[in-house]
Full PDB file with SEQRES, HELIX, SHEET, SSBOND, CRYST1, ORIGX, SCALE, CONECT and MASTER records, all heavy atoms in Angstrom:
SEQRES   1 A   33  THR VAL GLN VAL PRO VAL LYS ASP GLY ARG ALA GLN TRP          
SEQRES   2 A   33  THR ALA THR GLY GLY GLU TRP THR VAL TYR VAL VAL GLU          
SEQRES   3 A   33  HIS ALA PHE LYS THR SER PRO                                  
SHEET    1 AA1 2 VAL A   6  LYS A   7  0                                        
SHEET    2 AA1 2 ARG A  10  ALA A  11 -1                                        
CRYST1    1.000    1.000    1.000  90.00  90.00  90.00 P 1           1          
ORIGX1      1.000000  0.000000  0.000000        0.00000                         
ORIGX2      0.000000  1.000000  0.000000        0.00000                         
ORIGX3      0.000000  0.000000  1.000000        0.00000                         
SCALE1      1.000000  0.000000  0.000000        0.00000                         
SCALE2      0.000000  1.000000  0.000000        0.00000                         
SCALE3      0.000000  0.000000  1.000000        0.00000                         
ATOM      1  N   THR A   1      44.551  39.353  87.006  1.00  0.00           N  
ATOM      2  CA  THR A   1      45.772  39.921  87.576  1.00  0.00           C  
ATOM      3  C   THR A   1      45.705  39.919  89.099  1.00  0.00           C  
ATOM      4  O   THR A   1      44.622  40.003  89.692  1.00  0.00           O  
ATOM      5  CB  THR A   1      45.988  41.374  87.102  1.00  0.00           C  
ATOM      6  OG1 THR A   1      44.883  42.181  87.522  1.00  0.00           O  
ATOM      7  CG2 THR A   1      46.127  41.436  85.599  1.00  0.00           C  
ATOM      8  N   VAL A   2      46.879  39.827  89.712  1.00  0.00           N  
ATOM      9  CA  VAL A   2      47.031  39.941  91.153  1.00  0.00           C  
ATOM     10  C   VAL A   2      48.196  40.884  91.412  1.00  0.00           C  
ATOM     11  O   VAL A   2      49.265  40.747  90.784  1.00  0.00           O  
ATOM     12  CB  VAL A   2      47.312  38.563  91.804  1.00  0.00           C  
ATOM     13  CG1 VAL A   2      47.658  38.732  93.284  1.00  0.00           C  
ATOM     14  CG2 VAL A   2      46.124  37.637  91.635  1.00  0.00           C  
ATOM     15  N   GLN A   3      47.982  41.838  92.323  1.00  0.00           N  
ATOM     16  CA  GLN A   3      49.067  42.740  92.673  1.00  0.00           C  
ATOM     17  C   GLN A   3      49.947  42.094  93.735  1.00  0.00           C  
ATOM     18  O   GLN A   3      49.470  41.727  94.823  1.00  0.00           O  
ATOM     19  CB  GLN A   3      48.515  44.077  93.169  1.00  0.00           C  
ATOM     20  CG  GLN A   3      47.699  44.825  92.132  1.00  0.00           C  
ATOM     21  CD  GLN A   3      48.413  44.899  90.799  1.00  0.00           C  
ATOM     22  OE1 GLN A   3      49.511  45.443  90.709  1.00  0.00           O  
ATOM     23  NE2 GLN A   3      47.814  44.341  89.750  1.00  0.00           N  
ATOM     24  N   VAL A   4      51.201  41.929  93.404  1.00  0.00           N  
ATOM     25  CA  VAL A   4      52.152  41.302  94.324  1.00  0.00           C  
ATOM     26  C   VAL A   4      52.603  42.344  95.343  1.00  0.00           C  
ATOM     27  O   VAL A   4      53.088  43.421  94.956  1.00  0.00           O  
ATOM     28  CB  VAL A   4      53.356  40.739  93.554  1.00  0.00           C  
ATOM     29  CG1 VAL A   4      54.394  40.170  94.524  1.00  0.00           C  
ATOM     30  CG2 VAL A   4      52.895  39.686  92.546  1.00  0.00           C  
ATOM     31  N   PRO A   5      52.438  42.073  96.623  1.00  0.00           N  
ATOM     32  CA  PRO A   5      52.822  43.070  97.630  1.00  0.00           C  
ATOM     33  C   PRO A   5      54.342  43.273  97.678  1.00  0.00           C  
ATOM     34  O   PRO A   5      55.112  42.328  97.494  1.00  0.00           O  
ATOM     35  CB  PRO A   5      52.300  42.476  98.941  1.00  0.00           C  
ATOM     36  CG  PRO A   5      52.175  41.014  98.681  1.00  0.00           C  
ATOM     37  CD  PRO A   5      51.852  40.867  97.225  1.00  0.00           C  
ATOM     38  N   VAL A   6      54.715  44.516  97.900  1.00  0.00           N  
ATOM     39  CA  VAL A   6      56.136  44.871  98.018  1.00  0.00           C  
ATOM     40  C   VAL A   6      56.355  45.469  99.400  1.00  0.00           C  
ATOM     41  O   VAL A   6      55.648  46.408  99.806  1.00  0.00           O  
ATOM     42  CB  VAL A   6      56.550  45.881  96.926  1.00  0.00           C  
ATOM     43  CG1 VAL A   6      58.006  46.298  97.117  1.00  0.00           C  
ATOM     44  CG2 VAL A   6      56.327  45.300  95.541  1.00  0.00           C  
ATOM     45  N   LYS A   7      57.324  44.940 100.125  1.00  0.00           N  
ATOM     46  CA  LYS A   7      57.641  45.452 101.451  1.00  0.00           C  
ATOM     47  C   LYS A   7      59.147  45.447 101.640  1.00  0.00           C  
ATOM     48  O   LYS A   7      59.810  44.432 101.389  1.00  0.00           O  
ATOM     49  CB  LYS A   7      56.969  44.584 102.523  1.00  0.00           C  
ATOM     50  CG  LYS A   7      57.165  45.107 103.945  1.00  0.00           C  
ATOM     51  CD  LYS A   7      56.424  44.248 104.964  1.00  0.00           C  
ATOM     52  CE  LYS A   7      56.628  44.798 106.371  1.00  0.00           C  
ATOM     53  NZ  LYS A   7      55.916  43.973 107.392  1.00  0.00           N  
ATOM     54  N   ASP A   8      59.661  46.596 102.037  1.00  0.00           N  
ATOM     55  CA  ASP A   8      61.105  46.736 102.291  1.00  0.00           C  
ATOM     56  C   ASP A   8      61.936  46.289 101.099  1.00  0.00           C  
ATOM     57  O   ASP A   8      62.961  45.600 101.240  1.00  0.00           O  
ATOM     58  CB  ASP A   8      61.513  45.950 103.540  1.00  0.00           C  
ATOM     59  CG  ASP A   8      60.811  46.441 104.805  1.00  0.00           C  
ATOM     60  OD1 ASP A   8      60.536  47.665 104.859  1.00  0.00           O  
ATOM     61  OD2 ASP A   8      60.534  45.625 105.682  1.00  0.00           O  
ATOM     62  N   GLY A   9      61.476  46.634  99.897  1.00  0.00           N  
ATOM     63  CA  GLY A   9      62.258  46.349  98.701  1.00  0.00           C  
ATOM     64  C   GLY A   9      62.162  44.925  98.195  1.00  0.00           C  
ATOM     65  O   GLY A   9      62.933  44.542  97.300  1.00  0.00           O  
ATOM     66  N   ARG A  10      61.231  44.109  98.762  1.00  0.00           N  
ATOM     67  CA  ARG A  10      61.071  42.737  98.290  1.00  0.00           C  
ATOM     68  C   ARG A  10      59.615  42.490  97.907  1.00  0.00           C  
ATOM     69  O   ARG A  10      58.678  42.945  98.570  1.00  0.00           O  
ATOM     70  CB  ARG A  10      61.499  41.710  99.342  1.00  0.00           C  
ATOM     71  CG  ARG A  10      62.980  41.704  99.630  1.00  0.00           C  
ATOM     72  CD  ARG A  10      63.421  40.381 100.242  1.00  0.00           C  
ATOM     73  NE  ARG A  10      63.460  39.296  99.265  1.00  0.00           N  
ATOM     74  CZ  ARG A  10      64.474  39.103  98.407  1.00  0.00           C  
ATOM     75  NH1 ARG A  10      65.517  39.927  98.391  1.00  0.00           N  
ATOM     76  NH2 ARG A  10      64.434  38.086  97.564  1.00  0.00           N  
ATOM     77  N   ALA A  11      59.444  41.770  96.782  1.00  0.00           N  
ATOM     78  CA  ALA A  11      58.117  41.370  96.318  1.00  0.00           C  
ATOM     79  C   ALA A  11      57.960  39.876  96.567  1.00  0.00           C  
ATOM     80  O   ALA A  11      58.766  39.072  96.067  1.00  0.00           O  
ATOM     81  CB  ALA A  11      57.955  41.683  94.836  1.00  0.00           C  
ATOM     82  N   GLN A  12      56.931  39.510  97.320  1.00  0.00           N  
ATOM     83  CA  GLN A  12      56.744  38.110  97.699  1.00  0.00           C  
ATOM     84  C   GLN A  12      55.289  37.704  97.471  1.00  0.00           C  
ATOM     85  O   GLN A  12      54.358  38.423  97.838  1.00  0.00           O  
ATOM     86  CB  GLN A  12      57.126  37.898  99.168  1.00  0.00           C  
ATOM     87  CG  GLN A  12      58.590  38.164  99.461  1.00  0.00           C  
ATOM     88  CD  GLN A  12      58.908  38.036 100.937  1.00  0.00           C  
ATOM     89  OE1 GLN A  12      58.162  38.502 101.792  1.00  0.00           O  
ATOM     90  NE2 GLN A  12      60.024  37.384 101.248  1.00  0.00           N  
ATOM     91  N   TRP A  13      55.132  36.501  96.873  1.00  0.00           N  
ATOM     92  CA  TRP A  13      53.771  36.042  96.553  1.00  0.00           C  
ATOM     93  C   TRP A  13      53.826  34.560  96.209  1.00  0.00           C  
ATOM     94  O   TRP A  13      54.816  34.060  95.669  1.00  0.00           O  
ATOM     95  CB  TRP A  13      53.246  36.859  95.365  1.00  0.00           C  
ATOM     96  CG  TRP A  13      51.938  36.412  94.789  1.00  0.00           C  
ATOM     97  CD1 TRP A  13      50.702  36.569  95.332  1.00  0.00           C  
ATOM     98  CD2 TRP A  13      51.736  35.757  93.533  1.00  0.00           C  
ATOM     99  NE1 TRP A  13      49.733  36.074  94.506  1.00  0.00           N  
ATOM    100  CE2 TRP A  13      50.338  35.562  93.384  1.00  0.00           C  
ATOM    101  CE3 TRP A  13      52.589  35.315  92.520  1.00  0.00           C  
ATOM    102  CZ2 TRP A  13      49.790  34.936  92.257  1.00  0.00           C  
ATOM    103  CZ3 TRP A  13      52.049  34.698  91.410  1.00  0.00           C  
ATOM    104  CH2 TRP A  13      50.659  34.516  91.282  1.00  0.00           C  
ATOM    105  N   THR A  14      52.737  33.839  96.506  1.00  0.00           N  
ATOM    106  CA  THR A  14      52.619  32.423  96.154  1.00  0.00           C  
ATOM    107  C   THR A  14      51.465  32.246  95.182  1.00  0.00           C  
ATOM    108  O   THR A  14      50.341  32.707  95.440  1.00  0.00           O  
ATOM    109  CB  THR A  14      52.374  31.560  97.397  1.00  0.00           C  
ATOM    110  OG1 THR A  14      53.474  31.726  98.305  1.00  0.00           O  
ATOM    111  CG2 THR A  14      52.248  30.086  97.021  1.00  0.00           C  
ATOM    112  N   ALA A  15      51.724  31.589  94.062  1.00  0.00           N  
ATOM    113  CA  ALA A  15      50.720  31.426  93.005  1.00  0.00           C  
ATOM    114  C   ALA A  15      49.709  30.352  93.370  1.00  0.00           C  
ATOM    115  O   ALA A  15      50.044  29.350  94.006  1.00  0.00           O  
ATOM    116  CB  ALA A  15      51.407  31.060  91.694  1.00  0.00           C  
ATOM    117  N   THR A  16      48.470  30.562  92.955  1.00  0.00           N  
ATOM    118  CA  THR A  16      47.411  29.558  93.124  1.00  0.00           C  
ATOM    119  C   THR A  16      46.613  29.453  91.837  1.00  0.00           C  
ATOM    120  O   THR A  16      46.367  30.446  91.159  1.00  0.00           O  
ATOM    121  CB  THR A  16      46.449  29.951  94.260  1.00  0.00           C  
ATOM    122  OG1 THR A  16      45.865  31.226  93.967  1.00  0.00           O  
ATOM    123  CG2 THR A  16      47.166  30.028  95.597  1.00  0.00           C  
ATOM    124  N   GLY A  17      46.212  28.246  91.477  1.00  0.00           N  
ATOM    125  CA  GLY A  17      45.242  28.047  90.405  1.00  0.00           C  
ATOM    126  C   GLY A  17      45.696  28.436  89.021  1.00  0.00           C  
ATOM    127  O   GLY A  17      45.105  29.327  88.413  1.00  0.00           O  
ATOM    128  N   GLY A  18      46.711  27.800  88.482  1.00  0.00           N  
ATOM    129  CA  GLY A  18      47.088  28.029  87.100  1.00  0.00           C  
ATOM    130  C   GLY A  18      48.519  28.490  86.912  1.00  0.00           C  
ATOM    131  O   GLY A  18      49.315  28.565  87.855  1.00  0.00           O  
ATOM    132  N   GLU A  19      48.819  28.792  85.642  1.00  0.00           N  
ATOM    133  CA  GLU A  19      50.150  29.279  85.278  1.00  0.00           C  
ATOM    134  C   GLU A  19      50.126  30.812  85.223  1.00  0.00           C  
ATOM    135  O   GLU A  19      49.221  31.406  84.626  1.00  0.00           O  
ATOM    136  CB  GLU A  19      50.563  28.728  83.914  1.00  0.00           C  
ATOM    137  CG  GLU A  19      50.652  27.208  83.862  1.00  0.00           C  
ATOM    138  CD  GLU A  19      51.718  26.675  84.812  1.00  0.00           C  
ATOM    139  OE1 GLU A  19      52.826  27.247  84.836  1.00  0.00           O  
ATOM    140  OE2 GLU A  19      51.438  25.692  85.536  1.00  0.00           O  
ATOM    141  N   TRP A  20      51.134  31.424  85.817  1.00  0.00           N  
ATOM    142  CA  TRP A  20      51.182  32.886  85.932  1.00  0.00           C  
ATOM    143  C   TRP A  20      52.515  33.419  85.408  1.00  0.00           C  
ATOM    144  O   TRP A  20      53.509  32.690  85.355  1.00  0.00           O  
ATOM    145  CB  TRP A  20      51.033  33.327  87.394  1.00  0.00           C  
ATOM    146  CG  TRP A  20      49.749  32.923  88.033  1.00  0.00           C  
ATOM    147  CD1 TRP A  20      49.385  31.674  88.471  1.00  0.00           C  
ATOM    148  CD2 TRP A  20      48.637  33.777  88.331  1.00  0.00           C  
ATOM    149  NE1 TRP A  20      48.126  31.684  89.013  1.00  0.00           N  
ATOM    150  CE2 TRP A  20      47.640  32.974  88.951  1.00  0.00           C  
ATOM    151  CE3 TRP A  20      48.386  35.127  88.149  1.00  0.00           C  
ATOM    152  CZ2 TRP A  20      46.418  33.497  89.375  1.00  0.00           C  
ATOM    153  CZ3 TRP A  20      47.178  35.651  88.584  1.00  0.00           C  
ATOM    154  CH2 TRP A  20      46.204  34.837  89.165  1.00  0.00           C  
ATOM    155  N   THR A  21      52.507  34.682  85.047  1.00  0.00           N  
ATOM    156  CA  THR A  21      53.747  35.407  84.771  1.00  0.00           C  
ATOM    157  C   THR A  21      53.746  36.664  85.630  1.00  0.00           C  
ATOM    158  O   THR A  21      52.772  37.419  85.642  1.00  0.00           O  
ATOM    159  CB  THR A  21      53.861  35.811  83.293  1.00  0.00           C  
ATOM    160  OG1 THR A  21      53.801  34.639  82.477  1.00  0.00           O  
ATOM    161  CG2 THR A  21      55.173  36.544  83.036  1.00  0.00           C  
ATOM    162  N   VAL A  22      54.830  36.843  86.371  1.00  0.00           N  
ATOM    163  CA  VAL A  22      54.964  38.030  87.217  1.00  0.00           C  
ATOM    164  C   VAL A  22      55.805  39.063  86.467  1.00  0.00           C  
ATOM    165  O   VAL A  22      56.912  38.759  85.993  1.00  0.00           O  
ATOM    166  CB  VAL A  22      55.613  37.692  88.566  1.00  0.00           C  
ATOM    167  CG1 VAL A  22      55.798  38.962  89.392  1.00  0.00           C  
ATOM    168  CG2 VAL A  22      54.755  36.685  89.326  1.00  0.00           C  
ATOM    169  N   TYR A  23      55.263  40.282  86.361  1.00  0.00           N  
ATOM    170  CA  TYR A  23      55.941  41.385  85.682  1.00  0.00           C  
ATOM    171  C   TYR A  23      56.351  42.432  86.712  1.00  0.00           C  
ATOM    172  O   TYR A  23      55.511  42.902  87.493  1.00  0.00           O  
ATOM    173  CB  TYR A  23      55.011  42.051  84.667  1.00  0.00           C  
ATOM    174  CG  TYR A  23      54.618  41.165  83.504  1.00  0.00           C  
ATOM    175  CD1 TYR A  23      53.534  40.296  83.605  1.00  0.00           C  
ATOM    176  CD2 TYR A  23      55.326  41.203  82.316  1.00  0.00           C  
ATOM    177  CE1 TYR A  23      53.167  39.482  82.548  1.00  0.00           C  
ATOM    178  CE2 TYR A  23      54.968  40.398  81.241  1.00  0.00           C  
ATOM    179  CZ  TYR A  23      53.888  39.538  81.374  1.00  0.00           C  
ATOM    180  OH  TYR A  23      53.534  38.737  80.316  1.00  0.00           O  
ATOM    181  N   VAL A  24      57.623  42.772  86.706  1.00  0.00           N  
ATOM    182  CA  VAL A  24      58.115  43.893  87.510  1.00  0.00           C  
ATOM    183  C   VAL A  24      58.234  45.101  86.575  1.00  0.00           C  
ATOM    184  O   VAL A  24      59.016  45.078  85.621  1.00  0.00           O  
ATOM    185  CB  VAL A  24      59.481  43.571  88.150  1.00  0.00           C  
ATOM    186  CG1 VAL A  24      59.984  44.773  88.949  1.00  0.00           C  
ATOM    187  CG2 VAL A  24      59.380  42.331  89.036  1.00  0.00           C  
ATOM    188  N   VAL A  25      57.420  46.106  86.829  1.00  0.00           N  
ATOM    189  CA  VAL A  25      57.346  47.277  85.950  1.00  0.00           C  
ATOM    190  C   VAL A  25      58.068  48.445  86.606  1.00  0.00           C  
ATOM    191  O   VAL A  25      57.800  48.790  87.773  1.00  0.00           O  
ATOM    192  CB  VAL A  25      55.883  47.661  85.652  1.00  0.00           C  
ATOM    193  CG1 VAL A  25      55.818  48.897  84.758  1.00  0.00           C  
ATOM    194  CG2 VAL A  25      55.154  46.490  85.000  1.00  0.00           C  
ATOM    195  N   GLU A  26      58.977  49.043  85.862  1.00  0.00           N  
ATOM    196  CA  GLU A  26      59.730  50.202  86.345  1.00  0.00           C  
ATOM    197  C   GLU A  26      59.556  51.368  85.385  1.00  0.00           C  
ATOM    198  O   GLU A  26      59.226  51.182  84.219  1.00  0.00           O  
ATOM    199  CB  GLU A  26      61.220  49.864  86.446  1.00  0.00           C  
ATOM    200  CG  GLU A  26      61.573  48.833  87.483  1.00  0.00           C  
ATOM    201  CD  GLU A  26      63.072  48.583  87.562  1.00  0.00           C  
ATOM    202  OE1 GLU A  26      63.821  49.087  86.682  1.00  0.00           O  
ATOM    203  OE2 GLU A  26      63.491  47.894  88.504  1.00  0.00           O  
ATOM    204  N   HIS A  27      59.838  52.576  85.914  1.00  0.00           N  
ATOM    205  CA  HIS A  27      59.983  53.716  85.007  1.00  0.00           C  
ATOM    206  C   HIS A  27      61.466  53.878  84.683  1.00  0.00           C  
ATOM    207  O   HIS A  27      62.338  53.595  85.522  1.00  0.00           O  
ATOM    208  CB  HIS A  27      59.398  55.000  85.597  1.00  0.00           C  
ATOM    209  CG  HIS A  27      60.074  55.493  86.849  1.00  0.00           C  
ATOM    210  ND1 HIS A  27      61.232  56.234  86.839  1.00  0.00           N  
ATOM    211  CD2 HIS A  27      59.740  55.346  88.162  1.00  0.00           C  
ATOM    212  CE1 HIS A  27      61.586  56.555  88.064  1.00  0.00           C  
ATOM    213  NE2 HIS A  27      60.699  56.011  88.897  1.00  0.00           N  
ATOM    214  N   ALA A  28      61.731  54.275  83.456  1.00  0.00           N  
ATOM    215  CA  ALA A  28      63.125  54.375  83.014  1.00  0.00           C  
ATOM    216  C   ALA A  28      63.236  55.464  81.958  1.00  0.00           C  
ATOM    217  O   ALA A  28      62.260  55.790  81.269  1.00  0.00           O  
ATOM    218  CB  ALA A  28      63.592  53.044  82.429  1.00  0.00           C  
ATOM    219  N   PHE A  29      64.426  56.026  81.826  1.00  0.00           N  
ATOM    220  CA  PHE A  29      64.691  56.930  80.715  1.00  0.00           C  
ATOM    221  C   PHE A  29      64.813  56.092  79.447  1.00  0.00           C  
ATOM    222  O   PHE A  29      65.669  55.216  79.336  1.00  0.00           O  
ATOM    223  CB  PHE A  29      65.972  57.725  80.953  1.00  0.00           C  
ATOM    224  CG  PHE A  29      65.817  58.786  82.016  1.00  0.00           C  
ATOM    225  CD1 PHE A  29      66.345  58.601  83.283  1.00  0.00           C  
ATOM    226  CD2 PHE A  29      65.126  59.963  81.749  1.00  0.00           C  
ATOM    227  CE1 PHE A  29      66.199  59.568  84.265  1.00  0.00           C  
ATOM    228  CE2 PHE A  29      64.970  60.938  82.728  1.00  0.00           C  
ATOM    229  CZ  PHE A  29      65.511  60.738  83.989  1.00  0.00           C  
ATOM    230  N   LYS A  30      63.940  56.362  78.504  1.00  0.00           N  
ATOM    231  CA  LYS A  30      63.927  55.604  77.261  1.00  0.00           C  
ATOM    232  C   LYS A  30      63.374  56.502  76.168  1.00  0.00           C  
ATOM    233  O   LYS A  30      62.350  57.155  76.357  1.00  0.00           O  
ATOM    234  CB  LYS A  30      63.068  54.345  77.400  1.00  0.00           C  
ATOM    235  CG  LYS A  30      63.186  53.399  76.220  1.00  0.00           C  
ATOM    236  CD  LYS A  30      62.591  52.040  76.538  1.00  0.00           C  
ATOM    237  CE  LYS A  30      62.878  51.059  75.404  1.00  0.00           C  
ATOM    238  NZ  LYS A  30      62.415  49.694  75.715  1.00  0.00           N  
ATOM    239  N   THR A  31      64.034  56.519  75.037  1.00  0.00           N  
ATOM    240  CA  THR A  31      63.654  57.456  73.982  1.00  0.00           C  
ATOM    241  C   THR A  31      63.255  56.744  72.698  1.00  0.00           C  
ATOM    242  O   THR A  31      63.728  55.639  72.406  1.00  0.00           O  
ATOM    243  CB  THR A  31      64.812  58.426  73.675  1.00  0.00           C  
ATOM    244  OG1 THR A  31      64.383  59.391  72.707  1.00  0.00           O  
ATOM    245  CG2 THR A  31      66.017  57.676  73.110  1.00  0.00           C  
ATOM    246  N   SER A  32      62.367  57.385  71.938  1.00  0.00           N  
ATOM    247  CA  SER A  32      62.187  56.996  70.542  1.00  0.00           C  
ATOM    248  C   SER A  32      63.505  57.254  69.822  1.00  0.00           C  
ATOM    249  O   SER A  32      64.241  58.185  70.160  1.00  0.00           O  
ATOM    250  CB  SER A  32      61.090  57.836  69.888  1.00  0.00           C  
ATOM    251  OG  SER A  32      59.874  57.727  70.575  1.00  0.00           O  
ATOM    252  N   PRO A  33      63.846  56.453  68.810  1.00  0.00           N  
ATOM    253  CA  PRO A  33      65.087  56.714  68.064  1.00  0.00           C  
ATOM    254  C   PRO A  33      65.046  58.094  67.392  1.00  0.00           C  
ATOM    255  O   PRO A  33      63.986  58.559  66.968  1.00  0.00           O  
ATOM    256  CB  PRO A  33      65.111  55.602  67.018  1.00  0.00           C  
ATOM    257  CG  PRO A  33      64.164  54.567  67.521  1.00  0.00           C  
ATOM    258  CD  PRO A  33      63.123  55.281  68.300  1.00  0.00           C  
TER     259      PRO A  33                                                      
MASTER        0    0    0    0    2    0    0    6  258    1    0    3          
END                                                                             
């Protein structure tokens, strides 16, 4: 894993060495049914 830096509301990063997936994780109101 690599932590993508966030500055002024933007996440910017350049991938090296392989195939990657970038995940943006948020907190949200979400309930069990």
